Amino acid sequence: MAHFEDLSKYSYWACGSLEVLNVGWLEQSGLATALPTGEHLDLLWEHCKIAVEQTRGFYLCLLCPEPQRGIVYASRNGMSLHLGSAEIRVISADGRVYAAPNLIYHSVHTHHYKLPEEFVAALQTGLVPGSKEYFESLDALGVDWKGLSTQRAASQVVPKGTEIEALQKLETALRIFREDS
């Protein structure tokens, strides 16, 4: 995965004249750490459910020890996600936009990566992922996005064998939501 300094200008994908800031594009050395709060993890998780600029491959976590590196799966509140193949967008209350790899959840949860304070403020007071305003902002940004970041629901949420049917229903609901907006 590419490395960018936190709060530097985002340049991984084109974003027009809008200034987007990097967060969480990490490398092994010099990582600031702090124990994460449940609130921060919940807020990041909600953003990770919406895949932005999905790629076809997966990035591995460079913070994990070499023999343990692999595709990252994370679970929270009965739901599991594949991480490492998409980004998230956090949009602050004043319209500032932050881009992070969706591996950021794993980096915070497992490696205790300390989020920049202004990013935390944007998570806490910014647009809520899944809201009409959030989806409208993603569309206005011109980014490619889809709901539920390569999600595979945990068996206690969606019975085994019905994941595809559940995702098709969700995609239909999102399409209707967009048409009604």
Protein backbone atom coordinates (compact mmCIF):
# COMPACT_ATOMS: atom_id res chain seq x y z
CA MET A 1 0.00 0.00 0.00
CA ALA A 2 1.23 3.50 -0.71
CA HIS A 3 2.39 5.61 2.23
CA PHE A 4 1.28 9.21 2.70
CA GLU A 5 1.78 11.45 5.72
CA ASP A 6 -1.37 12.08 7.76
CA LEU A 7 -3.19 15.27 6.73
CA SER A 8 -1.11 15.67 3.54
CA LYS A 9 -2.89 16.36 0.25
CA TYR A 10 -4.53 13.22 -1.16
CA SER A 11 -3.32 12.22 -4.63
CA TYR A 12 -3.97 8.48 -4.99
CA TRP A 13 -7.03 8.97 -7.27
CA ALA A 14 -8.06 12.10 -9.13
CA CYS A 15 -10.29 14.40 -7.09
CA GLY A 16 -10.47 17.55 -9.21
CA SER A 17 -9.74 20.84 -7.55
CA LEU A 18 -11.15 19.74 -4.19
CA GLU A 19 -8.57 19.37 -1.42
CA VAL A 20 -8.84 15.94 0.16
CA LEU A 21 -6.55 14.97 3.05
CA ASN A 22 -4.82 11.64 3.69
CA VAL A 23 -5.26 9.70 6.92
CA GLY A 24 -4.07 6.19 7.76
CA TRP A 25 -1.80 5.42 4.79
CA LEU A 26 0.72 3.80 7.11
CA GLU A 27 4.14 2.22 7.06
CA GLN A 28 5.90 0.27 9.79
CA SER A 29 8.13 2.95 11.24
CA GLY A 30 7.14 5.93 13.35
CA LEU A 31 3.57 4.88 14.13
CA ALA A 32 1.93 6.98 16.87
CA THR A 33 -0.23 4.74 19.04
CA ALA A 34 -3.06 5.05 21.55
CA LEU A 35 -5.71 2.66 22.82
CA PRO A 36 -8.80 3.13 20.64
CA THR A 37 -12.18 3.98 22.09
CA GLY A 38 -15.26 1.99 21.25
CA GLU A 39 -16.77 5.15 19.80
CA HIS A 40 -13.88 5.63 17.37
CA LEU A 41 -14.06 1.98 16.29
CA ASP A 42 -17.84 2.19 15.79
CA LEU A 43 -17.51 5.36 13.70
CA LEU A 44 -14.74 3.90 11.55
CA TRP A 45 -16.73 0.70 11.09
CA GLU A 46 -19.74 2.61 9.78
CA HIS A 47 -17.50 4.31 7.21
CA CYS A 48 -15.90 1.00 6.20
CA LYS A 49 -19.32 -0.36 5.22
CA ILE A 50 -19.26 1.99 2.21
CA ALA A 51 -16.49 1.09 -0.21
CA VAL A 52 -15.02 4.07 -2.07
CA GLU A 53 -12.71 3.53 -5.06
CA GLN A 54 -12.87 -0.26 -4.72
CA THR A 55 -9.95 -2.09 -6.35
CA ARG A 56 -9.76 -5.64 -7.68
CA GLY A 57 -6.95 -6.76 -5.39
CA PHE A 58 -6.22 -6.56 -1.69
CA TYR A 59 -3.50 -4.74 0.18
CA LEU A 60 -1.96 -6.57 3.10
CA CYS A 61 -1.37 -4.93 6.45
CA LEU A 62 2.29 -3.92 6.58
CA LEU A 63 2.04 -3.48 10.34
CA CYS A 64 1.35 -7.18 10.92
CA PRO A 65 4.38 -9.44 11.39
CA GLU A 66 5.51 -11.04 8.12
CA PRO A 67 4.24 -14.58 8.77
CA GLN A 68 0.79 -13.27 9.75
CA ARG A 69 0.24 -11.00 6.73
CA GLY A 70 -2.74 -11.87 4.62
CA ILE A 71 -6.11 -10.57 3.54
CA VAL A 72 -7.64 -8.76 6.51
CA TYR A 73 -11.11 -9.69 7.71
CA ALA A 74 -12.65 -7.73 10.53
CA SER A 75 -15.85 -8.34 12.47
CA ARG A 76 -17.94 -5.98 14.56
CA ASN A 77 -21.51 -6.21 15.81
CA GLY A 78 -22.17 -9.52 14.02
CA MET A 79 -20.92 -8.34 10.63
CA SER A 80 -17.67 -9.17 8.84
CA LEU A 81 -15.88 -7.15 6.17
CA HIS A 82 -12.90 -7.77 3.92
CA LEU A 83 -10.53 -4.84 4.37
CA GLY A 84 -7.71 -3.66 2.14
CA SER A 85 -9.37 -3.24 -1.24
CA ALA A 86 -11.18 0.08 -0.88
CA GLU A 87 -11.06 3.48 0.75
CA ILE A 88 -13.38 5.43 3.00
CA ARG A 89 -14.34 9.11 2.89
CA VAL A 90 -14.95 11.03 6.07
CA ILE A 91 -16.67 14.37 5.50
CA SER A 92 -16.49 16.88 8.34
CA ALA A 93 -19.34 19.17 9.36
CA ASP A 94 -17.60 22.06 7.58
CA GLY A 95 -17.12 20.04 4.38
CA ARG A 96 -13.46 19.03 4.74
CA VAL A 97 -12.87 15.62 3.17
CA TYR A 98 -10.51 12.90 4.40
CA ALA A 99 -9.47 9.80 2.43
CA ALA A 100 -8.24 6.67 4.16
CA PRO A 101 -7.74 3.05 3.17
CA ASN A 102 -10.43 0.90 4.74
CA LEU A 103 -7.57 -0.96 6.45
CA ILE A 104 -7.65 1.97 8.87
CA TYR A 105 -10.16 0.07 11.00
CA HIS A 106 -7.70 -2.82 11.40
CA SER A 107 -4.81 -0.41 12.02
CA VAL A 108 -6.71 1.28 14.86
CA HIS A 109 -8.28 -1.87 16.31
CA THR A 110 -5.27 -4.20 16.14
CA HIS A 111 -2.21 -1.94 16.06
CA HIS A 112 -3.65 0.99 18.06
CA TYR A 113 -2.80 3.55 15.36
CA LYS A 114 -3.56 6.97 16.86
CA LEU A 115 -5.93 8.94 14.64
CA PRO A 116 -5.20 12.66 14.08
CA GLU A 117 -7.42 14.82 16.32
CA GLU A 118 -9.02 16.75 13.45
CA PHE A 119 -9.94 13.46 11.79
CA VAL A 120 -11.50 12.24 15.05
CA ALA A 121 -13.54 15.47 15.21
CA ALA A 122 -14.71 14.88 11.62
CA LEU A 123 -15.74 11.31 12.53
CA GLN A 124 -17.69 12.56 15.54
CA THR A 125 -19.44 15.58 14.02
CA GLY A 126 -19.34 15.02 10.26
CA LEU A 127 -21.80 13.51 7.83
CA VAL A 128 -23.20 10.14 8.88
CA PRO A 129 -22.34 7.27 6.52
CA GLY A 130 -25.49 5.93 4.91
CA SER A 131 -27.39 9.20 5.23
CA LYS A 132 -28.85 10.92 2.19
CA GLU A 133 -26.44 13.85 2.70
CA TYR A 134 -23.45 11.51 2.86
CA PHE A 135 -24.37 9.73 -0.37
CA GLU A 136 -25.08 13.06 -2.10
CA SER A 137 -21.65 14.30 -1.00
CA LEU A 138 -19.94 11.16 -2.34
CA ASP A 139 -21.72 11.69 -5.67
CA ALA A 140 -20.69 15.37 -5.70
CA LEU A 141 -17.07 14.32 -5.05
CA GLY A 142 -17.23 12.17 -8.17
CA VAL A 143 -15.90 9.07 -6.44
CA ASP A 144 -16.89 5.53 -7.27
CA TRP A 145 -18.66 4.00 -4.28
CA LYS A 146 -20.89 1.14 -3.33
CA GLY A 147 -22.62 0.18 -0.15
CA LEU A 148 -21.32 -2.46 2.22
CA SER A 149 -17.66 -2.80 1.36
CA THR A 150 -17.35 -6.36 0.00
CA GLN A 151 -19.42 -7.41 2.95
CA ARG A 152 -20.08 -10.96 3.92
CA ALA A 153 -22.57 -11.01 6.73
CA ALA A 154 -21.94 -13.16 9.77
CA SER A 155 -24.01 -16.34 9.86
CA GLN A 156 -26.08 -15.16 12.83
CA VAL A 157 -27.16 -12.06 10.85
CA VAL A 158 -27.76 -13.60 7.42
CA PRO A 159 -28.33 -17.36 7.26
CA LYS A 160 -25.61 -19.22 5.39
CA GLY A 161 -26.36 -19.48 1.67
CA THR A 162 -28.49 -16.33 1.52
CA GLU A 163 -25.67 -13.75 1.40
CA ILE A 164 -26.08 -13.14 -2.34
CA GLU A 165 -29.84 -12.71 -2.01
CA ALA A 166 -29.36 -10.28 0.91
CA LEU A 167 -26.77 -8.25 -1.02
CA GLN A 168 -29.03 -8.13 -4.09
CA LYS A 169 -31.87 -6.78 -1.94
CA LEU A 170 -29.53 -4.18 -0.46
CA GLU A 171 -28.30 -3.10 -3.90
CA THR A 172 -31.91 -2.76 -5.06
CA ALA A 173 -32.72 -0.63 -2.01
CA LEU A 174 -29.68 1.62 -2.66
CA ARG A 175 -30.67 1.99 -6.34
CA ILE A 176 -34.21 2.99 -5.31
CA PHE A 177 -32.79 5.41 -2.72
CA ARG A 178 -30.62 7.07 -5.38
CA GLU A 179 -33.52 7.33 -7.85
CA ASP A 180 -35.75 8.92 -5.20
CA SER A 181 -33.08 11.45 -4.25
